[in-house]
Amino acid sequence: MSALTLRMPDHKHERLKAMAEQRGVSLARLLDELTTQALVEFDTETRFMLRAARGDERTERGLELLRIAQGISE
């Protein structure tokens, strides 16, 4: 396991500590959970983009569906 030094504004640190406390986990555990979630989203988008590249005529529709699923409006 690796150690990581993270610099952030004090107000964010305080909000993250409060969030961890509310969830009943340590700040380290909360950050681990949040980074896991971000990596899952990244991996999903990467796999989707690779598949979309194989089906050029459907790429725009696929990206539109991905944006809808993510709650992103244009």
PDB file of N, CA and C in Angstrom:
ATOM      1  N   MET A   1       0.855  -1.171   0.000  1.00  0.00           N
ATOM      2  CA  MET A   1       0.000   0.000   0.000  1.00  0.00           C
ATOM      3  C   MET A   1       0.900   1.233   0.000  1.00  0.00           C
ATOM      4  N   SER A   2       0.452   2.274  -0.684  1.00  0.00           N
ATOM      5  CA  SER A   2       1.219   3.509  -0.791  1.00  0.00           C
ATOM      6  C   SER A   2       0.631   4.605   0.077  1.00  0.00           C
ATOM      7  N   ALA A   3       1.491   5.522   0.456  1.00  0.00           N
ATOM      8  CA  ALA A   3       1.053   6.719   1.176  1.00  0.00           C
ATOM      9  C   ALA A   3       1.000   7.857   0.173  1.00  0.00           C
ATOM     10  N   LEU A   4       0.085   8.773   0.389  1.00  0.00           N
ATOM     11  CA  LEU A   4      -0.102   9.893  -0.522  1.00  0.00           C
ATOM     12  C   LEU A   4      -0.275  11.163   0.286  1.00  0.00           C
ATOM     13  N   THR A   5       0.478  12.190  -0.077  1.00  0.00           N
ATOM     14  CA  THR A   5       0.294  13.500   0.541  1.00  0.00           C
ATOM     15  C   THR A   5      -0.568  14.312  -0.406  1.00  0.00           C
ATOM     16  N   LEU A   6      -1.655  14.824   0.098  1.00  0.00           N
ATOM     17  CA  LEU A   6      -2.612  15.554  -0.726  1.00  0.00           C
ATOM     18  C   LEU A   6      -2.786  16.955  -0.151  1.00  0.00           C
ATOM     19  N   ARG A   7      -2.592  17.942  -0.987  1.00  0.00           N
ATOM     20  CA  ARG A   7      -2.784  19.330  -0.553  1.00  0.00           C
ATOM     21  C   ARG A   7      -4.124  19.815  -1.095  1.00  0.00           C
ATOM     22  N   MET A   8      -4.904  20.426  -0.193  1.00  0.00           N
ATOM     23  CA  MET A   8      -6.197  20.968  -0.589  1.00  0.00           C
ATOM     24  C   MET A   8      -6.539  22.116   0.346  1.00  0.00           C
ATOM     25  N   PRO A   9      -7.461  22.956  -0.081  1.00  0.00           N
ATOM     26  CA  PRO A   9      -7.880  24.055   0.792  1.00  0.00           C
ATOM     27  C   PRO A   9      -8.465  23.516   2.106  1.00  0.00           C
ATOM     28  N   ASP A  10      -8.253  24.279   3.167  1.00  0.00           N
ATOM     29  CA  ASP A  10      -8.733  23.865   4.489  1.00  0.00           C
ATOM     30  C   ASP A  10     -10.234  23.598   4.500  1.00  0.00           C
ATOM     31  N   HIS A  11     -11.011  24.414   3.787  1.00  0.00           N
ATOM     32  CA  HIS A  11     -12.468  24.232   3.819  1.00  0.00           C
ATOM     33  C   HIS A  11     -12.875  22.887   3.206  1.00  0.00           C
ATOM     34  N   LYS A  12     -12.161  22.437   2.186  1.00  0.00           N
ATOM     35  CA  LYS A  12     -12.464  21.119   1.605  1.00  0.00           C
ATOM     36  C   LYS A  12     -12.100  20.013   2.584  1.00  0.00           C
ATOM     37  N   HIS A  13     -10.965  20.164   3.237  1.00  0.00           N
ATOM     38  CA  HIS A  13     -10.535  19.169   4.216  1.00  0.00           C
ATOM     39  C   HIS A  13     -11.572  19.032   5.332  1.00  0.00           C
ATOM     40  N   GLU A  14     -12.044  20.157   5.828  1.00  0.00           N
ATOM     41  CA  GLU A  14     -13.053  20.127   6.896  1.00  0.00           C
ATOM     42  C   GLU A  14     -14.349  19.477   6.416  1.00  0.00           C
ATOM     43  N   ARG A  15     -14.757  19.787   5.203  1.00  0.00           N
ATOM     44  CA  ARG A  15     -15.992  19.181   4.670  1.00  0.00           C
ATOM     45  C   ARG A  15     -15.827  17.675   4.483  1.00  0.00           C
ATOM     46  N   LEU A  16     -14.665  17.241   3.999  1.00  0.00           N
ATOM     47  CA  LEU A  16     -14.420  15.800   3.839  1.00  0.00           C
ATOM     48  C   LEU A  16     -14.386  15.094   5.192  1.00  0.00           C
ATOM     49  N   LYS A  17     -13.778  15.719   6.200  1.00  0.00           N
ATOM     50  CA  LYS A  17     -13.773  15.122   7.542  1.00  0.00           C
ATOM     51  C   LYS A  17     -15.196  14.979   8.064  1.00  0.00           C
ATOM     52  N   ALA A  18     -16.030  16.005   7.849  1.00  0.00           N
ATOM     53  CA  ALA A  18     -17.426  15.942   8.298  1.00  0.00           C
ATOM     54  C   ALA A  18     -18.177  14.839   7.557  1.00  0.00           C
ATOM     55  N   MET A  19     -17.915  14.720   6.260  1.00  0.00           N
ATOM     56  CA  MET A  19     -18.568  13.677   5.462  1.00  0.00           C
ATOM     57  C   MET A  19     -18.171  12.291   5.966  1.00  0.00           C
ATOM     58  N   ALA A  20     -16.886  12.104   6.243  1.00  0.00           N
ATOM     59  CA  ALA A  20     -16.406  10.816   6.754  1.00  0.00           C
ATOM     60  C   ALA A  20     -17.043  10.505   8.097  1.00  0.00           C
ATOM     61  N   GLU A  21     -17.099  11.497   8.964  1.00  0.00           N
ATOM     62  CA  GLU A  21     -17.701  11.307  10.289  1.00  0.00           C
ATOM     63  C   GLU A  21     -19.177  10.918  10.158  1.00  0.00           C
ATOM     64  N   GLN A  22     -19.890  11.601   9.268  1.00  0.00           N
ATOM     65  CA  GLN A  22     -21.307  11.307   9.071  1.00  0.00           C
ATOM     66  C   GLN A  22     -21.511   9.875   8.575  1.00  0.00           C
ATOM     67  N   ARG A  23     -20.583   9.406   7.744  1.00  0.00           N
ATOM     68  CA  ARG A  23     -20.684   8.035   7.204  1.00  0.00           C
ATOM     69  C   ARG A  23     -20.099   6.993   8.152  1.00  0.00           C
ATOM     70  N   GLY A  24     -19.459   7.454   9.204  1.00  0.00           N
ATOM     71  CA  GLY A  24     -18.895   6.523  10.186  1.00  0.00           C
ATOM     72  C   GLY A  24     -17.632   5.822   9.711  1.00  0.00           C
ATOM     73  N   VAL A  25     -16.846   6.498   8.871  1.00  0.00           N
ATOM     74  CA  VAL A  25     -15.595   5.928   8.382  1.00  0.00           C
ATOM     75  C   VAL A  25     -14.474   6.935   8.602  1.00  0.00           C
ATOM     76  N   SER A  26     -13.261   6.450   8.486  1.00  0.00           N
ATOM     77  CA  SER A  26     -12.118   7.365   8.601  1.00  0.00           C
ATOM     78  C   SER A  26     -12.008   8.193   7.325  1.00  0.00           C
ATOM     79  N   LEU A  27     -11.272   9.273   7.416  1.00  0.00           N
ATOM     80  CA  LEU A  27     -11.046  10.112   6.243  1.00  0.00           C
ATOM     81  C   LEU A  27     -10.298   9.320   5.174  1.00  0.00           C
ATOM     82  N   ALA A  28      -9.336   8.507   5.585  1.00  0.00           N
ATOM     83  CA  ALA A  28      -8.589   7.682   4.625  1.00  0.00           C
ATOM     84  C   ALA A  28      -9.524   6.724   3.895  1.00  0.00           C
ATOM     85  N   ARG A  29     -10.436   6.102   4.645  1.00  0.00           N
ATOM     86  CA  ARG A  29     -11.393   5.157   4.034  1.00  0.00           C
ATOM     87  C   ARG A  29     -12.323   5.887   3.061  1.00  0.00           C
ATOM     88  N   LEU A  30     -12.797   7.063   3.455  1.00  0.00           N
ATOM     89  CA  LEU A  30     -13.669   7.850   2.586  1.00  0.00           C
ATOM     90  C   LEU A  30     -12.951   8.178   1.274  1.00  0.00           C
ATOM     91  N   LEU A  31     -11.706   8.652   1.367  1.00  0.00           N
ATOM     92  CA  LEU A  31     -10.948   8.984   0.159  1.00  0.00           C
ATOM     93  C   LEU A  31     -10.704   7.749  -0.692  1.00  0.00           C
ATOM     94  N   ASP A  32     -10.464   6.607  -0.067  1.00  0.00           N
ATOM     95  CA  ASP A  32     -10.308   5.359  -0.812  1.00  0.00           C
ATOM     96  C   ASP A  32     -11.594   5.031  -1.575  1.00  0.00           C
ATOM     97  N   GLU A  33     -12.745   5.166  -0.911  1.00  0.00           N
ATOM     98  CA  GLU A  33     -14.030   4.889  -1.557  1.00  0.00           C
ATOM     99  C   GLU A  33     -14.292   5.857  -2.717  1.00  0.00           C
ATOM    100  N   LEU A  34     -13.998   7.142  -2.509  1.00  0.00           N
ATOM    101  CA  LEU A  34     -14.242   8.138  -3.553  1.00  0.00           C
ATOM    102  C   LEU A  34     -13.330   7.918  -4.760  1.00  0.00           C
ATOM    103  N   THR A  35     -12.070   7.567  -4.509  1.00  0.00           N
ATOM    104  CA  THR A  35     -11.169   7.322  -5.635  1.00  0.00           C
ATOM    105  C   THR A  35     -11.545   6.036  -6.363  1.00  0.00           C
ATOM    106  N   THR A  36     -12.018   5.035  -5.639  1.00  0.00           N
ATOM    107  CA  THR A  36     -12.493   3.810  -6.293  1.00  0.00           C
ATOM    108  C   THR A  36     -13.663   4.123  -7.213  1.00  0.00           C
ATOM    109  N   GLN A  37     -14.591   4.924  -6.741  1.00  0.00           N
ATOM    110  CA  GLN A  37     -15.745   5.315  -7.560  1.00  0.00           C
ATOM    111  C   GLN A  37     -15.288   6.064  -8.812  1.00  0.00           C
ATOM    112  N   ALA A  38     -14.355   6.982  -8.669  1.00  0.00           N
ATOM    113  CA  ALA A  38     -13.856   7.743  -9.814  1.00  0.00           C
ATOM    114  C   ALA A  38     -13.172   6.823 -10.825  1.00  0.00           C
ATOM    115  N   LEU A  39     -12.403   5.850 -10.337  1.00  0.00           N
ATOM    116  CA  LEU A  39     -11.725   4.922 -11.239  1.00  0.00           C
ATOM    117  C   LEU A  39     -12.706   4.004 -11.961  1.00  0.00           C
ATOM    118  N   VAL A  40     -13.751   3.579 -11.293  1.00  0.00           N
ATOM    119  CA  VAL A  40     -14.774   2.752 -11.941  1.00  0.00           C
ATOM    120  C   VAL A  40     -15.437   3.542 -13.064  1.00  0.00           C
ATOM    121  N   GLU A  41     -15.771   4.805 -12.796  1.00  0.00           N
ATOM    122  CA  GLU A  41     -16.373   5.649 -13.829  1.00  0.00           C
ATOM    123  C   GLU A  41     -15.413   5.840 -15.000  1.00  0.00           C
ATOM    124  N   PHE A  42     -14.137   6.068 -14.705  1.00  0.00           N
ATOM    125  CA  PHE A  42     -13.135   6.249 -15.753  1.00  0.00           C
ATOM    126  C   PHE A  42     -12.997   4.986 -16.589  1.00  0.00           C
ATOM    127  N   ASP A  43     -12.906   3.828 -15.936  1.00  0.00           N
ATOM    128  CA  ASP A  43     -12.770   2.561 -16.662  1.00  0.00           C
ATOM    129  C   ASP A  43     -13.985   2.291 -17.538  1.00  0.00           C
ATOM    130  N   THR A  44     -15.173   2.585 -17.012  1.00  0.00           N
ATOM    131  CA  THR A  44     -16.399   2.378 -17.774  1.00  0.00           C
ATOM    132  C   THR A  44     -16.407   3.264 -19.011  1.00  0.00           C
ATOM    133  N   GLU A  45     -16.068   4.528 -18.848  1.00  0.00           N
ATOM    134  CA  GLU A  45     -16.039   5.447 -19.991  1.00  0.00           C
ATOM    135  C   GLU A  45     -14.986   5.015 -21.009  1.00  0.00           C
ATOM    136  N   THR A  46     -13.824   4.574 -20.529  1.00  0.00           N
ATOM    137  CA  THR A  46     -12.759   4.136 -21.434  1.00  0.00           C
ATOM    138  C   THR A  46     -13.210   2.930 -22.249  1.00  0.00           C
ATOM    139  N   ARG A  47     -13.806   1.936 -21.590  1.00  0.00           N
ATOM    140  CA  ARG A  47     -14.296   0.755 -22.315  1.00  0.00           C
ATOM    141  C   ARG A  47     -15.368   1.146 -23.321  1.00  0.00           C
ATOM    142  N   PHE A  48     -16.243   2.046 -22.918  1.00  0.00           N
ATOM    143  CA  PHE A  48     -17.307   2.495 -23.808  1.00  0.00           C
ATOM    144  C   PHE A  48     -16.719   3.177 -25.038  1.00  0.00           C
ATOM    145  N   MET A  49     -15.734   4.051 -24.839  1.00  0.00           N
ATOM    146  CA  MET A  49     -15.120   4.769 -25.958  1.00  0.00           C
ATOM    147  C   MET A  49     -14.429   3.798 -26.911  1.00  0.00           C
ATOM    148  N   LEU A  50     -13.775   2.778 -26.392  1.00  0.00           N
ATOM    149  CA  LEU A  50     -13.143   1.777 -27.254  1.00  0.00           C
ATOM    150  C   LEU A  50     -14.183   1.037 -28.088  1.00  0.00           C
ATOM    151  N   ARG A  51     -15.286   0.669 -27.464  1.00  0.00           N
ATOM    152  CA  ARG A  51     -16.348  -0.011 -28.203  1.00  0.00           C
ATOM    153  C   ARG A  51     -17.001   0.921 -29.216  1.00  0.00           C
ATOM    154  N   ALA A  52     -17.185   2.172 -28.836  1.00  0.00           N
ATOM    155  CA  ALA A  52     -17.802   3.141 -29.742  1.00  0.00           C
ATOM    156  C   ALA A  52     -16.931   3.354 -30.968  1.00  0.00           C
ATOM    157  N   ALA A  53     -15.617   3.327 -30.784  1.00  0.00           N
ATOM    158  CA  ALA A  53     -14.700   3.534 -31.907  1.00  0.00           C
ATOM    159  C   ALA A  53     -14.823   2.415 -32.932  1.00  0.00           C
ATOM    160  N   ARG A  54     -15.252   1.238 -32.496  1.00  0.00           N
ATOM    161  CA  ARG A  54     -15.421   0.118 -33.424  1.00  0.00           C
ATOM    162  C   ARG A  54     -16.706   0.223 -34.235  1.00  0.00           C
ATOM    163  N   GLY A  55     -17.643   1.045 -33.802  1.00  0.00           N
ATOM    164  CA  GLY A  55     -18.927   1.172 -34.493  1.00  0.00           C
ATOM    165  C   GLY A  55     -19.187   2.621 -34.857  1.00  0.00           C
ATOM    166  N   ASP A  56     -18.400   3.159 -35.787  1.00  0.00           N
ATOM    167  CA  ASP A  56     -18.428   4.586 -36.113  1.00  0.00           C
ATOM    168  C   ASP A  56     -19.825   5.136 -36.374  1.00  0.00           C
ATOM    169  N   GLU A  57     -20.659   4.400 -37.100  1.00  0.00           N
ATOM    170  CA  GLU A  57     -21.979   4.944 -37.426  1.00  0.00           C
ATOM    171  C   GLU A  57     -22.870   5.084 -36.202  1.00  0.00           C
ATOM    172  N   ARG A  58     -22.514   4.436 -35.119  1.00  0.00           N
ATOM    173  CA  ARG A  58     -23.335   4.502 -33.909  1.00  0.00           C
ATOM    174  C   ARG A  58     -22.677   5.311 -32.794  1.00  0.00           C
ATOM    175  N   THR A  59     -21.537   5.867 -33.062  1.00  0.00           N
ATOM    176  CA  THR A  59     -20.773   6.565 -32.029  1.00  0.00           C
ATOM    177  C   THR A  59     -21.553   7.712 -31.402  1.00  0.00           C
ATOM    178  N   GLU A  60     -22.089   8.603 -32.218  1.00  0.00           N
ATOM    179  CA  GLU A  60     -22.795   9.772 -31.673  1.00  0.00           C
ATOM    180  C   GLU A  60     -23.974   9.353 -30.818  1.00  0.00           C
ATOM    181  N   ARG A  61     -24.750   8.371 -31.272  1.00  0.00           N
ATOM    182  CA  ARG A  61     -25.896   7.900 -30.488  1.00  0.00           C
ATOM    183  C   ARG A  61     -25.417   7.272 -29.175  1.00  0.00           C
ATOM    184  N   GLY A  62     -24.347   6.523 -29.222  1.00  0.00           N
ATOM    185  CA  GLY A  62     -23.807   5.896 -28.017  1.00  0.00           C
ATOM    186  C   GLY A  62     -23.314   6.926 -27.020  1.00  0.00           C
ATOM    187  N   LEU A  63     -22.621   7.952 -27.525  1.00  0.00           N
ATOM    188  CA  LEU A  63     -22.151   9.012 -26.635  1.00  0.00           C
ATOM    189  C   LEU A  63     -23.318   9.793 -26.041  1.00  0.00           C
ATOM    190  N   GLU A  64     -24.360   9.979 -26.836  1.00  0.00           N
ATOM    191  CA  GLU A  64     -25.558  10.649 -26.330  1.00  0.00           C
ATOM    192  C   GLU A  64     -26.177   9.843 -25.185  1.00  0.00           C
ATOM    193  N   LEU A  65     -26.256   8.537 -25.347  1.00  0.00           N
ATOM    194  CA  LEU A  65     -26.809   7.674 -24.298  1.00  0.00           C
ATOM    195  C   LEU A  65     -25.928   7.692 -23.051  1.00  0.00           C
ATOM    196  N   LEU A  66     -24.606   7.747 -23.250  1.00  0.00           N
ATOM    197  CA  LEU A  66     -23.700   7.820 -22.110  1.00  0.00           C
ATOM    198  C   LEU A  66     -23.901   9.128 -21.349  1.00  0.00           C
ATOM    199  N   ARG A  67     -24.053  10.225 -22.070  1.00  0.00           N
ATOM    200  CA  ARG A  67     -24.288  11.519 -21.404  1.00  0.00           C
ATOM    201  C   ARG A  67     -25.603  11.496 -20.625  1.00  0.00           C
ATOM    202  N   ILE A  68     -26.635  10.884 -21.211  1.00  0.00           N
ATOM    203  CA  ILE A  68     -27.925  10.774 -20.532  1.00  0.00           C
ATOM    204  C   ILE A  68     -27.769   9.956 -19.251  1.00  0.00           C
ATOM    205  N   ALA A  69     -27.047   8.836 -19.354  1.00  0.00           N
ATOM    206  CA  ALA A  69     -26.844   7.962 -18.187  1.00  0.00           C
ATOM    207  C   ALA A  69     -26.073   8.671 -17.082  1.00  0.00           C
ATOM    208  N   GLN A  70     -25.169   9.572 -17.464  1.00  0.00           N
ATOM    209  CA  GLN A  70     -24.375  10.305 -16.487  1.00  0.00           C
ATOM    210  C   GLN A  70     -25.093  11.560 -16.002  1.00  0.00           C
ATOM    211  N   GLY A  71     -26.239  11.869 -16.589  1.00  0.00           N
ATOM    212  CA  GLY A  71     -26.997  13.053 -16.188  1.00  0.00           C
ATOM    213  C   GLY A  71     -26.403  14.339 -16.714  1.00  0.00           C
ATOM    214  N   ILE A  72     -25.687  14.250 -17.827  1.00  0.00           N
ATOM    215  CA  ILE A  72     -25.063  15.422 -18.438  1.00  0.00           C
ATOM    216  C   ILE A  72     -25.940  15.897 -19.591  1.00  0.00           C
ATOM    217  N   SER A  73     -26.330  17.152 -19.545  1.00  0.00           N
ATOM    218  CA  SER A  73     -27.141  17.696 -20.642  1.00  0.00           C
ATOM    219  C   SER A  73     -26.317  18.692 -21.442  1.00  0.00           C
ATOM    220  N   GLU A  74     -26.593  18.742 -22.705  1.00  0.00           N
ATOM    221  CA  GLU A  74     -25.868  19.704 -23.563  1.00  0.00           C
ATOM    222  C   GLU A  74     -26.825  20.709 -24.102  1.00  0.00           C
TER     223      GLU A  74
END
